[in-house]
Amino acid sequence: MPFFLRFTPEQWAGLAGEGPTRRLVQQGAGLSHAGAEDNYARSPFHVLQRCGKGHNRPAMLRLLPFLDADGPTQMAADEALLESAQAATLRLYRWTPATVSLGYFQDHAAIAPHLPAGMPLVRRITGGGAIWHEHEVTYCLVGTLGRDGWPQRVRDCYPLLHGALRATLKLAGATLEQQAESVGDRRYRDEPRCFASPATDDLVHGDGGKVLGSAGRVRGECVLIHGSLKLASNPWDGDAVRGCGLTFERASAVMTAAFAAALGQTLTPGEWSADELAARERIRGVRYGDDGWVVARRGPRP
């Protein structure tokens, strides 16, 4: 279970503001010397239960428990949240075992010779290229476009979320840049690796190497954005990937604070509903547990 930041009630209530957010990250992420070690809690739920009560919170961002699971389970979990869309929700997770995910539009037959041998494969319902999921913090955000701080258009979510994360990472000592324009193989066919072809607003290292990328899917007004913040590279990506320089725990805390601030929402602890858990198991069975989906996108329309 990753550690999360301990916020005072004043910091918690003011999370959406630029000034309070800066103080929150400086104090909570250990950027000030005084009491830095006391600013971590044993679990996110202990923090959330103690802080934020009694304040006006016009928009809530539900934070689900951390999940360490295989690729089909993680992708089914993301899609289940999009399907239900009961509340704006953030979850962080890790892939066990390490897995390569393909973008929705990638042609498996064309790129199969370029994929790493022996790695579990899963296909996302979002676009982009193939990603080796290891040494990273993976996130999923679900909300409603045009409501509670979300932009009207999905393409505007990326500069908002990535910009907030870039600023917060900088306060934590990780200086990154936002990619000015998309480069590389945008079809991800000749070069199937997503992190080898940074898209506009991805976070990249100044000396080269992509650090963060995200992709989205829209159903009606509901939007799913998920992405990977890299902590280190892997044998397949090599120099195409750079780590952000933070530990898993600290990167998770910074990401949580940045996304809540970007959307102007207040974090609140939450659990999976019975309907969401049922949807997760159903979707895993009919889509992500089926090799036909990975190889040829066979199955229910996402």
Foldseek 3Di string as FASTA:
>chain_A
DFKAWADAQVLLLVLQDPVSVLVRLCQRLQVDPPCNVVGIDPHPQVRQVVYNPPHDFPAEEAEEDEDEEADLLVQLLLVLCLVVQPGWYKYKYAHPPWAKEAEQQAACVLCVVLDDPPHHYWYHPWGFFIEGGDQWIKMKTKHFDPPQQHHNDPVVVLLLLLVLLQVSLVSSPFHWDFDQAWDDDRNCRVPRYRLLIDHGRFTAHPVAATAKDWTWDDDPRMIMIMIIGHQDDDPSCPRSHHHRPDDPNSSVNSSVSSVCNSSVGRYHYDYDDPSSVVSSVVCSVFAGVDVCCRNPNDGDDD
